[in-house]
């Protein structure tokens, strides 16, 4: 019985596996998925709060930019309508005999 737990000297310091069964690295499926960090690497609450505050400020800035862009687009559409209206008035005055030309 005392020999049951004794490893023969030829295997000392080496794993007892057949050569084709050697494995290097973690077993597949047991590691963390890409993009995940171990618990020790989680950021502190202050860092998360700063990140959230930065994202909120960025969202506010982007919302303001979006509103300004919508205003510019509406103004450009209005300018196009005015130009079309002015062309139609110009065309009407060109058609009328003896009409006055609008400059």
PDB file of N, CA and C in Angstrom:
ATOM      1  N   UNK A   1       0.807  -1.192   0.000  1.00  0.00           N
ATOM      2  CA  UNK A   1       0.000   0.000   0.000  1.00  0.00           C
ATOM      3  C   UNK A   1       0.851   1.256   0.000  1.00  0.00           C
ATOM      4  N   UNK A   2       1.982   1.184   0.614  1.00  0.00           N
ATOM      5  CA  UNK A   2       2.807   2.378   0.661  1.00  0.00           C
ATOM      6  C   UNK A   2       3.328   2.749  -0.723  1.00  0.00           C
ATOM      7  N   UNK A   3       3.380   1.836  -1.657  1.00  0.00           N
ATOM      8  CA  UNK A   3       3.869   2.104  -2.997  1.00  0.00           C
ATOM      9  C   UNK A   3       2.820   2.688  -3.926  1.00  0.00           C
ATOM     10  N   UNK A   4       1.591   2.736  -3.504  1.00  0.00           N
ATOM     11  CA  UNK A   4       0.517   3.240  -4.367  1.00  0.00           C
ATOM     12  C   UNK A   4       0.682   4.721  -4.687  1.00  0.00           C
ATOM     13  N   UNK A   5       1.140   5.483  -3.755  1.00  0.00           N
ATOM     14  CA  UNK A   5       1.231   6.926  -3.955  1.00  0.00           C
ATOM     15  C   UNK A   5       2.609   7.360  -4.445  1.00  0.00           C
ATOM     16  N   UNK A   6       3.500   6.460  -4.575  1.00  0.00           N
ATOM     17  CA  UNK A   6       4.842   6.808  -5.015  1.00  0.00           C
ATOM     18  C   UNK A   6       4.892   6.803  -6.539  1.00  0.00           C
ATOM     19  N   UNK A   7       5.394   7.906  -7.111  1.00  0.00           N
ATOM     20  CA  UNK A   7       5.533   8.015  -8.556  1.00  0.00           C
ATOM     21  C   UNK A   7       6.906   7.467  -8.915  1.00  0.00           C
ATOM     22  N   UNK A   8       6.991   6.603  -9.909  1.00  0.00           N
ATOM     23  CA  UNK A   8       8.302   6.080 -10.297  1.00  0.00           C
ATOM     24  C   UNK A   8       9.239   7.221 -10.694  1.00  0.00           C
ATOM     25  N   UNK A   9      10.507   7.072 -10.449  1.00  0.00           N
ATOM     26  CA  UNK A   9      11.486   8.135 -10.684  1.00  0.00           C
ATOM     27  C   UNK A   9      11.550   8.548 -12.151  1.00  0.00           C
ATOM     28  N   UNK A  10      11.213   7.699 -13.090  1.00  0.00           N
ATOM     29  CA  UNK A  10      11.259   8.071 -14.499  1.00  0.00           C
ATOM     30  C   UNK A  10      10.190   9.112 -14.853  1.00  0.00           C
ATOM     31  N   UNK A  11       9.157   9.272 -14.040  1.00  0.00           N
ATOM     32  CA  UNK A  11       8.089  10.242 -14.302  1.00  0.00           C
ATOM     33  C   UNK A  11       8.188  11.491 -13.435  1.00  0.00           C
ATOM     34  N   UNK A  12       9.160  11.550 -12.552  1.00  0.00           N
ATOM     35  CA  UNK A  12       9.244  12.695 -11.636  1.00  0.00           C
ATOM     36  C   UNK A  12       9.427  13.995 -12.413  1.00  0.00           C
ATOM     37  N   UNK A  13       8.649  14.986 -12.074  1.00  0.00           N
ATOM     38  CA  UNK A  13       8.737  16.301 -12.693  1.00  0.00           C
ATOM     39  C   UNK A  13       8.052  16.404 -14.042  1.00  0.00           C
ATOM     40  N   UNK A  14       7.454  15.327 -14.531  1.00  0.00           N
ATOM     41  CA  UNK A  14       6.775  15.363 -15.824  1.00  0.00           C
ATOM     42  C   UNK A  14       5.332  14.912 -15.637  1.00  0.00           C
ATOM     43  N   UNK A  15       4.426  15.450 -16.418  1.00  0.00           N
ATOM     44  CA  UNK A  15       3.045  14.968 -16.324  1.00  0.00           C
ATOM     45  C   UNK A  15       2.952  13.553 -16.869  1.00  0.00           C
ATOM     46  N   UNK A  16       2.048  12.795 -16.314  1.00  0.00           N
ATOM     47  CA  UNK A  16       1.853  11.414 -16.753  1.00  0.00           C
ATOM     48  C   UNK A  16       0.742  11.412 -17.791  1.00  0.00           C
ATOM     49  N   UNK A  17       1.135  11.634 -19.060  1.00  0.00           N
ATOM     50  CA  UNK A  17       0.204  11.635 -20.185  1.00  0.00           C
ATOM     51  C   UNK A  17       0.921  11.046 -21.383  1.00  0.00           C
ATOM     52  N   UNK A  18       0.147  10.536 -22.292  1.00  0.00           N
ATOM     53  CA  UNK A  18       0.769  10.047 -23.517  1.00  0.00           C
ATOM     54  C   UNK A  18       1.137  11.248 -24.380  1.00  0.00           C
ATOM     55  N   UNK A  19       2.173  11.135 -25.251  1.00  0.00           N
ATOM     56  CA  UNK A  19       2.643  12.286 -26.025  1.00  0.00           C
ATOM     57  C   UNK A  19       1.561  12.932 -26.883  1.00  0.00           C
ATOM     58  N   UNK A  20       0.638  12.194 -27.427  1.00  0.00           N
ATOM     59  CA  UNK A  20      -0.404  12.774 -28.261  1.00  0.00           C
ATOM     60  C   UNK A  20      -1.455  13.528 -27.469  1.00  0.00           C
ATOM     61  N   UNK A  21      -1.445  13.384 -26.182  1.00  0.00           N
ATOM     62  CA  UNK A  21      -2.458  14.014 -25.332  1.00  0.00           C
ATOM     63  C   UNK A  21      -1.946  15.289 -24.656  1.00  0.00           C
ATOM     64  N   UNK A  22      -0.770  15.748 -25.018  1.00  0.00           N
ATOM     65  CA  UNK A  22      -0.225  16.950 -24.390  1.00  0.00           C
ATOM     66  C   UNK A  22      -1.076  18.154 -24.777  1.00  0.00           C
ATOM     67  N   UNK A  23      -1.306  19.011 -23.832  1.00  0.00           N
ATOM     68  CA  UNK A  23      -2.153  20.169 -24.057  1.00  0.00           C
ATOM     69  C   UNK A  23      -1.421  21.397 -23.542  1.00  0.00           C
ATOM     70  N   UNK A  24      -1.394  22.433 -24.338  1.00  0.00           N
ATOM     71  CA  UNK A  24      -0.771  23.690 -23.936  1.00  0.00           C
ATOM     72  C   UNK A  24      -1.850  24.761 -23.901  1.00  0.00           C
ATOM     73  N   UNK A  25      -1.902  25.508 -22.834  1.00  0.00           N
ATOM     74  CA  UNK A  25      -2.893  26.570 -22.719  1.00  0.00           C
ATOM     75  C   UNK A  25      -4.182  26.058 -22.103  1.00  0.00           C
ATOM     76  N   UNK A  26      -5.146  26.966 -21.926  1.00  0.00           N
ATOM     77  CA  UNK A  26      -6.409  26.577 -21.288  1.00  0.00           C
ATOM     78  C   UNK A  26      -7.246  25.701 -22.210  1.00  0.00           C
ATOM     79  N   UNK A  27      -8.128  24.962 -21.597  1.00  0.00           N
ATOM     80  CA  UNK A  27      -9.042  24.130 -22.375  1.00  0.00           C
ATOM     81  C   UNK A  27     -10.027  25.023 -23.115  1.00  0.00           C
ATOM     82  N   UNK A  28     -10.399  24.648 -24.333  1.00  0.00           N
ATOM     83  CA  UNK A  28     -11.361  25.480 -25.057  1.00  0.00           C
ATOM     84  C   UNK A  28     -12.693  25.532 -24.324  1.00  0.00           C
ATOM     85  N   UNK A  29     -13.293  26.706 -24.329  1.00  0.00           N
ATOM     86  CA  UNK A  29     -14.590  26.871 -23.682  1.00  0.00           C
ATOM     87  C   UNK A  29     -14.482  27.260 -22.227  1.00  0.00           C
ATOM     88  N   UNK A  30     -13.289  27.141 -21.642  1.00  0.00           N
ATOM     89  CA  UNK A  30     -13.142  27.496 -20.237  1.00  0.00           C
ATOM     90  C   UNK A  30     -12.606  28.912 -20.055  1.00  0.00           C
ATOM     91  N   UNK A  31     -12.045  29.495 -21.098  1.00  0.00           N
ATOM     92  CA  UNK A  31     -11.506  30.847 -21.015  1.00  0.00           C
ATOM     93  C   UNK A  31     -12.610  31.884 -21.136  1.00  0.00           C
ATOM     94  N   UNK A  32     -12.219  33.135 -20.992  1.00  0.00           N
ATOM     95  CA  UNK A  32     -13.180  34.233 -21.135  1.00  0.00           C
ATOM     96  C   UNK A  32     -13.405  34.524 -22.611  1.00  0.00           C
ATOM     97  N   UNK A  33     -14.620  34.877 -22.990  1.00  0.00           N
ATOM     98  CA  UNK A  33     -14.875  35.251 -24.383  1.00  0.00           C
ATOM     99  C   UNK A  33     -14.075  36.502 -24.741  1.00  0.00           C
ATOM    100  N   UNK A  34     -13.795  36.714 -26.020  1.00  0.00           N
ATOM    101  CA  UNK A  34     -13.059  37.919 -26.417  1.00  0.00           C
ATOM    102  C   UNK A  34     -13.783  39.176 -25.959  1.00  0.00           C
ATOM    103  N   UNK A  35     -13.011  40.139 -25.481  1.00  0.00           N
ATOM    104  CA  UNK A  35     -13.591  41.396 -25.031  1.00  0.00           C
ATOM    105  C   UNK A  35     -13.968  41.407 -23.560  1.00  0.00           C
ATOM    106  N   UNK A  36     -13.906  40.283 -22.886  1.00  0.00           N
ATOM    107  CA  UNK A  36     -14.221  40.221 -21.463  1.00  0.00           C
ATOM    108  C   UNK A  36     -12.931  40.220 -20.661  1.00  0.00           C
ATOM    109  N   UNK A  37     -12.983  40.851 -19.506  1.00  0.00           N
ATOM    110  CA  UNK A  37     -11.806  40.932 -18.660  1.00  0.00           C
ATOM    111  C   UNK A  37     -12.065  40.155 -17.379  1.00  0.00           C
ATOM    112  N   UNK A  38     -11.015  39.675 -16.756  1.00  0.00           N
ATOM    113  CA  UNK A  38     -11.209  39.001 -15.469  1.00  0.00           C
ATOM    114  C   UNK A  38     -11.692  39.997 -14.421  1.00  0.00           C
ATOM    115  N   UNK A  39     -12.239  39.478 -13.331  1.00  0.00           N
ATOM    116  CA  UNK A  39     -12.817  40.343 -12.305  1.00  0.00           C
ATOM    117  C   UNK A  39     -11.797  41.315 -11.728  1.00  0.00           C
ATOM    118  N   UNK A  40     -10.541  40.916 -11.648  1.00  0.00           N
ATOM    119  CA  UNK A  40      -9.536  41.795 -11.074  1.00  0.00           C
ATOM    120  C   UNK A  40      -9.328  43.046 -11.923  1.00  0.00           C
ATOM    121  N   UNK A  41      -9.609  42.967 -13.210  1.00  0.00           N
ATOM    122  CA  UNK A  41      -9.353  44.086 -14.109  1.00  0.00           C
ATOM    123  C   UNK A  41     -10.557  45.014 -14.260  1.00  0.00           C
ATOM    124  N   UNK A  42     -11.622  44.793 -13.515  1.00  0.00           N
ATOM    125  CA  UNK A  42     -12.787  45.674 -13.624  1.00  0.00           C
ATOM    126  C   UNK A  42     -12.412  47.073 -13.156  1.00  0.00           C
ATOM    127  N   UNK A  43     -12.879  48.102 -13.865  1.00  0.00           N
ATOM    128  CA  UNK A  43     -12.539  49.465 -13.462  1.00  0.00           C
ATOM    129  C   UNK A  43     -13.234  49.848 -12.164  1.00  0.00           C
ATOM    130  N   UNK A  44     -12.643  50.803 -11.497  1.00  0.00           N
ATOM    131  CA  UNK A  44     -13.226  51.284 -10.248  1.00  0.00           C
ATOM    132  C   UNK A  44     -14.491  52.083 -10.548  1.00  0.00           C
ATOM    133  N   UNK A  45     -15.374  52.224  -9.564  1.00  0.00           N
ATOM    134  CA  UNK A  45     -16.624  52.974  -9.778  1.00  0.00           C
ATOM    135  C   UNK A  45     -16.381  54.407 -10.257  1.00  0.00           C
ATOM    136  N   UNK A  46     -15.296  55.045  -9.778  1.00  0.00           N
ATOM    137  CA  UNK A  46     -15.021  56.421 -10.203  1.00  0.00           C
ATOM    138  C   UNK A  46     -14.758  56.475 -11.707  1.00  0.00           C
ATOM    139  N   UNK A  47     -14.034  55.481 -12.213  1.00  0.00           N
ATOM    140  CA  UNK A  47     -13.753  55.449 -13.651  1.00  0.00           C
ATOM    141  C   UNK A  47     -15.037  55.253 -14.448  1.00  0.00           C
ATOM    142  N   UNK A  48     -15.906  54.382 -13.950  1.00  0.00           N
ATOM    143  CA  UNK A  48     -17.181  54.158 -14.636  1.00  0.00           C
ATOM    144  C   UNK A  48     -18.041  55.415 -14.607  1.00  0.00           C
ATOM    145  N   UNK A  49     -18.058  56.105 -13.466  1.00  0.00           N
ATOM    146  CA  UNK A  49     -18.836  57.342 -13.361  1.00  0.00           C
ATOM    147  C   UNK A  49     -18.305  58.396 -14.327  1.00  0.00           C
ATOM    148  N   UNK A  50     -16.976  58.509 -14.427  1.00  0.00           N
ATOM    149  CA  UNK A  50     -16.386  59.466 -15.369  1.00  0.00           C
ATOM    150  C   UNK A  50     -16.739  59.104 -16.804  1.00  0.00           C
ATOM    151  N   UNK A  51     -16.703  57.822 -17.103  1.00  0.00           N
ATOM    152  CA  UNK A  51     -17.031  57.378 -18.457  1.00  0.00           C
ATOM    153  C   UNK A  51     -18.488  57.696 -18.787  1.00  0.00           C
ATOM    154  N   UNK A  52     -19.385  57.450 -17.839  1.00  0.00           N
ATOM    155  CA  UNK A  52     -20.807  57.738 -18.046  1.00  0.00           C
ATOM    156  C   UNK A  52     -21.024  59.243 -18.210  1.00  0.00           C
ATOM    157  N   UNK A  53     -20.343  60.049 -17.395  1.00  0.00           N
ATOM    158  CA  UNK A  53     -20.475  61.507 -17.505  1.00  0.00           C
ATOM    159  C   UNK A  53     -19.966  61.989 -18.860  1.00  0.00           C
ATOM    160  N   UNK A  54     -18.851  61.433 -19.319  1.00  0.00           N
ATOM    161  CA  UNK A  54     -18.308  61.805 -20.629  1.00  0.00           C
ATOM    162  C   UNK A  54     -19.286  61.427 -21.735  1.00  0.00           C
ATOM    163  N   UNK A  55     -19.848  60.230 -21.646  1.00  0.00           N
ATOM    164  CA  UNK A  55     -20.800  59.785 -22.665  1.00  0.00           C
ATOM    165  C   UNK A  55     -22.061  60.644 -22.656  1.00  0.00           C
ATOM    166  N   UNK A  56     -22.512  61.059 -21.475  1.00  0.00           N
ATOM    167  CA  UNK A  56     -23.694  61.924 -21.391  1.00  0.00           C
ATOM    168  C   UNK A  56     -23.409  63.277 -22.042  1.00  0.00           C
ATOM    169  N   UNK A  57     -22.222  63.833 -21.778  1.00  0.00           N
ATOM    170  CA  UNK A  57     -21.858  65.114 -22.393  1.00  0.00           C
ATOM    171  C   UNK A  57     -21.739  64.967 -23.909  1.00  0.00           C
ATOM    172  N   UNK A  58     -21.161  63.859 -24.351  1.00  0.00           N
ATOM    173  CA  UNK A  58     -21.026  63.624 -25.788  1.00  0.00           C
ATOM    174  C   UNK A  58     -22.399  63.462 -26.440  1.00  0.00           C
ATOM    175  N   UNK A  59     -23.314  62.768 -25.766  1.00  0.00           N
ATOM    176  CA  UNK A  59     -24.674  62.595 -26.280  1.00  0.00           C
ATOM    177  C   UNK A  59     -25.374  63.945 -26.395  1.00  0.00           C
ATOM    178  N   UNK A  60     -25.198  64.798 -25.379  1.00  0.00           N
ATOM    179  CA  UNK A  60     -25.800  66.133 -25.407  1.00  0.00           C
ATOM    180  C   UNK A  60     -25.238  66.944 -26.574  1.00  0.00           C
ATOM    181  N   UNK A  61     -23.925  66.871 -26.782  1.00  0.00           N
ATOM    182  CA  UNK A  61     -23.287  67.592 -27.893  1.00  0.00           C
ATOM    183  C   UNK A  61     -23.814  67.082 -29.227  1.00  0.00           C
ATOM    184  N   UNK A  62     -23.900  65.768 -29.385  1.00  0.00           N
ATOM    185  CA  UNK A  62     -24.384  65.188 -30.638  1.00  0.00           C
ATOM    186  C   UNK A  62     -25.846  65.540 -30.895  1.00  0.00           C
ATOM    187  N   UNK A  63     -26.645  65.596 -29.833  1.00  0.00           N
ATOM    188  CA  UNK A  63     -28.049  65.978 -29.977  1.00  0.00           C
ATOM    189  C   UNK A  63     -28.155  67.421 -30.464  1.00  0.00           C
ATOM    190  N   UNK A  64     -27.351  68.309 -29.875  1.00  0.00           N
ATOM    191  CA  UNK A  64     -27.340  69.706 -30.323  1.00  0.00           C
ATOM    192  C   UNK A  64     -26.889  69.826 -31.769  1.00  0.00           C
ATOM    193  N   UNK A  65     -25.836  69.083 -32.128  1.00  0.00           N
ATOM    194  CA  UNK A  65     -25.361  69.092 -33.517  1.00  0.00           C
ATOM    195  C   UNK A  65     -26.449  68.596 -34.464  1.00  0.00           C
ATOM    196  N   UNK A  66     -27.169  67.575 -34.043  1.00  0.00           N
ATOM    197  CA  UNK A  66     -28.236  67.008 -34.867  1.00  0.00           C
ATOM    198  C   UNK A  66     -29.352  68.032 -35.088  1.00  0.00           C
ATOM    199  N   UNK A  67     -29.715  68.768 -34.028  1.00  0.00           N
ATOM    200  CA  UNK A  67     -30.754  69.804 -34.166  1.00  0.00           C
ATOM    201  C   UNK A  67     -30.293  70.911 -35.113  1.00  0.00           C
ATOM    202  N   UNK A  68     -29.032  71.344 -34.970  1.00  0.00           N
ATOM    203  CA  UNK A  68     -28.518  72.390 -35.863  1.00  0.00           C
ATOM    204  C   UNK A  68     -28.502  71.910 -37.306  1.00  0.00           C
ATOM    205  N   UNK A  69     -28.123  70.661 -37.507  1.00  0.00           N
ATOM    206  CA  UNK A  69     -28.109  70.101 -38.859  1.00  0.00           C
ATOM    207  C   UNK A  69     -29.518  70.047 -39.443  1.00  0.00           C
ATOM    208  N   UNK A  70     -30.500  69.675 -38.617  1.00  0.00           N
ATOM    209  CA  UNK A  70     -31.895  69.645 -39.080  1.00  0.00           C
ATOM    210  C   UNK A  70     -32.365  71.055 -39.438  1.00  0.00           C
ATOM    211  N   UNK A  71     -31.959  72.062 -38.639  1.00  0.00           N
ATOM    212  CA  UNK A  71     -32.324  73.448 -38.944  1.00  0.00           C
ATOM    213  C   UNK A  71     -31.706  73.903 -40.266  1.00  0.00           C
ATOM    214  N   UNK A  72     -30.444  73.543 -40.484  1.00  0.00           N
ATOM    215  CA  UNK A  72     -29.773  73.915 -41.739  1.00  0.00           C
ATOM    216  C   UNK A  72     -30.468  73.258 -42.922  1.00  0.00           C
ATOM    217  N   UNK A  73     -30.824  71.995 -42.780  1.00  0.00           N
ATOM    218  CA  UNK A  73     -31.510  71.282 -43.860  1.00  0.00           C
ATOM    219  C   UNK A  73     -32.860  71.930 -44.163  1.00  0.00           C
ATOM    220  N   UNK A  74     -33.607  72.289 -43.126  1.00  0.00           N
ATOM    221  CA  UNK A  74     -34.905  72.943 -43.332  1.00  0.00           C
ATOM    222  C   UNK A  74     -34.716  74.293 -44.027  1.00  0.00           C
ATOM    223  N   UNK A  75     -33.675  75.044 -43.633  1.00  0.00           N
ATOM    224  CA  UNK A  75     -33.419  76.343 -44.269  1.00  0.00           C
ATOM    225  C   UNK A  75     -33.041  76.160 -45.741  1.00  0.00           C
ATOM    226  N   UNK A  76     -32.222  75.150 -46.037  1.00  0.00           N
ATOM    227  CA  UNK A  76     -31.852  74.891 -47.435  1.00  0.00           C
ATOM    228  C   UNK A  76     -33.071  74.505 -48.272  1.00  0.00           C
ATOM    229  N   UNK A  77     -33.967  73.712 -47.702  1.00  0.00           N
ATOM    230  CA  UNK A  77     -35.194  73.348 -48.426  1.00  0.00           C
ATOM    231  C   UNK A  77     -36.052  74.578 -48.686  1.00  0.00           C
ATOM    232  N   UNK A  78     -36.114  75.479 -47.703  1.00  0.00           N
ATOM    233  CA  UNK A  78     -36.892  76.705 -47.882  1.00  0.00           C
ATOM    234  C   UNK A  78     -36.272  77.586 -48.969  1.00  0.00           C
ATOM    235  N   UNK A  79     -34.955  77.670 -48.995  1.00  0.00           N
ATOM    236  CA  UNK A  79     -34.274  78.440 -50.045  1.00  0.00           C
ATOM    237  C   UNK A  79     -34.593  77.844 -51.408  1.00  0.00           C
ATOM    238  N   UNK A  80     -34.593  76.524 -51.518  1.00  0.00           N
ATOM    239  CA  UNK A  80     -34.920  75.873 -52.796  1.00  0.00           C
ATOM    240  C   UNK A  80     -36.352  76.190 -53.224  1.00  0.00           C
ATOM    241  N   UNK A  81     -37.288  76.205 -52.257  1.00  0.00           N
ATOM    242  CA  UNK A  81     -38.681  76.554 -52.586  1.00  0.00           C
ATOM    243  C   UNK A  81     -38.777  77.997 -53.069  1.00  0.00           C
ATOM    244  N   UNK A  82     -38.063  78.920 -52.394  1.00  0.00           N
ATOM    245  CA  UNK A  82     -38.072  80.321 -52.826  1.00  0.00           C
ATOM    246  C   UNK A  82     -37.487  80.467 -54.222  1.00  0.00           C
ATOM    247  N   UNK A  83     -36.402  79.770 -54.494  1.00  0.00           N
ATOM    248  CA  UNK A  83     -35.791  79.841 -55.828  1.00  0.00           C
ATOM    249  C   UNK A  83     -36.755  79.313 -56.891  1.00  0.00           C
ATOM    250  N   UNK A  84     -37.430  78.209 -56.587  1.00  0.00           N
ATOM    251  CA  UNK A  84     -38.401  77.659 -57.542  1.00  0.00           C
ATOM    252  C   UNK A  84     -39.543  78.644 -57.756  1.00  0.00           C
ATOM    253  N   UNK A  85     -40.009  79.283 -56.680  1.00  0.00           N
ATOM    254  CA  UNK A  85     -41.084  80.267 -56.793  1.00  0.00           C
ATOM    255  C   UNK A  85     -40.625  81.467 -57.627  1.00  0.00           C
ATOM    256  N   UNK A  86     -39.409  81.917 -57.394  1.00  0.00           N
ATOM    257  CA  UNK A  86     -38.887  83.057 -58.161  1.00  0.00           C
ATOM    258  C   UNK A  86     -38.754  82.695 -59.640  1.00  0.00           C
ATOM    259  N   UNK A  87     -38.337  81.478 -59.950  1.00  0.00           N
ATOM    260  CA  UNK A  87     -38.252  81.053 -61.351  1.00  0.00           C
ATOM    261  C   UNK A  87     -39.633  81.015 -61.988  1.00  0.00           C
ATOM    262  N   UNK A  88     -40.633  80.555 -61.225  1.00  0.00           N
ATOM    263  CA  UNK A  88     -41.987  80.499 -61.790  1.00  0.00           C
ATOM    264  C   UNK A  88     -42.520  81.906 -62.049  1.00  0.00           C
ATOM    265  N   UNK A  89     -42.234  82.848 -61.155  1.00  0.00           N
ATOM    266  CA  UNK A  89     -42.661  84.238 -61.361  1.00  0.00           C
ATOM    267  C   UNK A  89     -41.952  84.815 -62.578  1.00  0.00           C
ATOM    268  N   UNK A  90     -40.649  84.537 -62.702  1.00  0.00           N
ATOM    269  CA  UNK A  90     -39.875  85.027 -63.851  1.00  0.00           C
ATOM    270  C   UNK A  90     -40.440  84.454 -65.142  1.00  0.00           C
ATOM    271  N   UNK A  91     -40.779  83.179 -65.143  1.00  0.00           N
ATOM    272  CA  UNK A  91     -41.333  82.534 -66.335  1.00  0.00           C
ATOM    273  C   UNK A  91     -42.677  83.141 -66.690  1.00  0.00           C
ATOM    274  N   UNK A  92     -43.540  83.402 -65.706  1.00  0.00           N
ATOM    275  CA  UNK A  92     -44.852  84.012 -65.964  1.00  0.00           C
ATOM    276  C   UNK A  92     -44.692  85.392 -66.585  1.00  0.00           C
ATOM    277  N   UNK A  93     -43.758  86.177 -66.082  1.00  0.00           N
ATOM    278  CA  UNK A  93     -43.585  87.532 -66.626  1.00  0.00           C
ATOM    279  C   UNK A  93     -42.992  87.486 -68.026  1.00  0.00           C
ATOM    280  N   UNK A  94     -42.180  86.456 -68.315  1.00  0.00           N
ATOM    281  CA  UNK A  94     -41.636  86.312 -69.670  1.00  0.00           C
ATOM    282  C   UNK A  94     -42.725  85.920 -70.659  1.00  0.00           C
ATOM    283  N   UNK A  95     -43.717  85.182 -70.204  1.00  0.00           N
ATOM    284  CA  UNK A  95     -44.785  84.710 -71.080  1.00  0.00           C
ATOM    285  C   UNK A  95     -45.761  85.833 -71.403  1.00  0.00           C
ATOM    286  N   UNK A  96     -46.083  86.690 -70.440  1.00  0.00           N
ATOM    287  CA  UNK A  96     -47.070  87.749 -70.644  1.00  0.00           C
ATOM    288  C   UNK A  96     -46.528  88.782 -71.635  1.00  0.00           C
ATOM    289  N   UNK A  97     -47.334  89.100 -72.652  1.00  0.00           N
ATOM    290  CA  UNK A  97     -46.886  90.129 -73.599  1.00  0.00           C
ATOM    291  C   UNK A  97     -46.865  91.490 -72.920  1.00  0.00           C
ATOM    292  N   UNK A  98     -45.771  92.195 -73.076  1.00  0.00           N
ATOM    293  CA  UNK A  98     -45.662  93.532 -72.498  1.00  0.00           C
ATOM    294  C   UNK A  98     -45.502  93.510 -70.996  1.00  0.00           C
ATOM    295  N   UNK A  99     -45.203  92.358 -70.455  1.00  0.00           N
ATOM    296  CA  UNK A  99     -45.053  92.256 -69.002  1.00  0.00           C
ATOM    297  C   UNK A  99     -43.746  92.871 -68.533  1.00  0.00           C
ATOM    298  N   UNK A 100     -43.719  93.189 -67.291  1.00  0.00           N
ATOM    299  CA  UNK A 100     -42.514  93.767 -66.706  1.00  0.00           C
ATOM    300  C   UNK A 100     -41.596  92.640 -66.251  1.00  0.00           C
ATOM    301  N   UNK A 101     -40.338  92.837 -66.458  1.00  0.00           N
ATOM    302  CA  UNK A 101     -39.353  91.846 -66.044  1.00  0.00           C
ATOM    303  C   UNK A 101     -38.952  92.139 -64.605  1.00  0.00           C
ATOM    304  N   UNK A 102     -38.989  91.115 -63.810  1.00  0.00           N
ATOM    305  CA  UNK A 102     -38.605  91.257 -62.403  1.00  0.00           C
ATOM    306  C   UNK A 102     -37.111  90.971 -62.299  1.00  0.00           C
ATOM    307  N   UNK A 103     -36.408  91.867 -61.711  1.00  0.00           N
ATOM    308  CA  UNK A 103     -34.961  91.688 -61.570  1.00  0.00           C
ATOM    309  C   UNK A 103     -34.618  91.106 -60.245  1.00  0.00           C
TER     310      UNK A 103
END
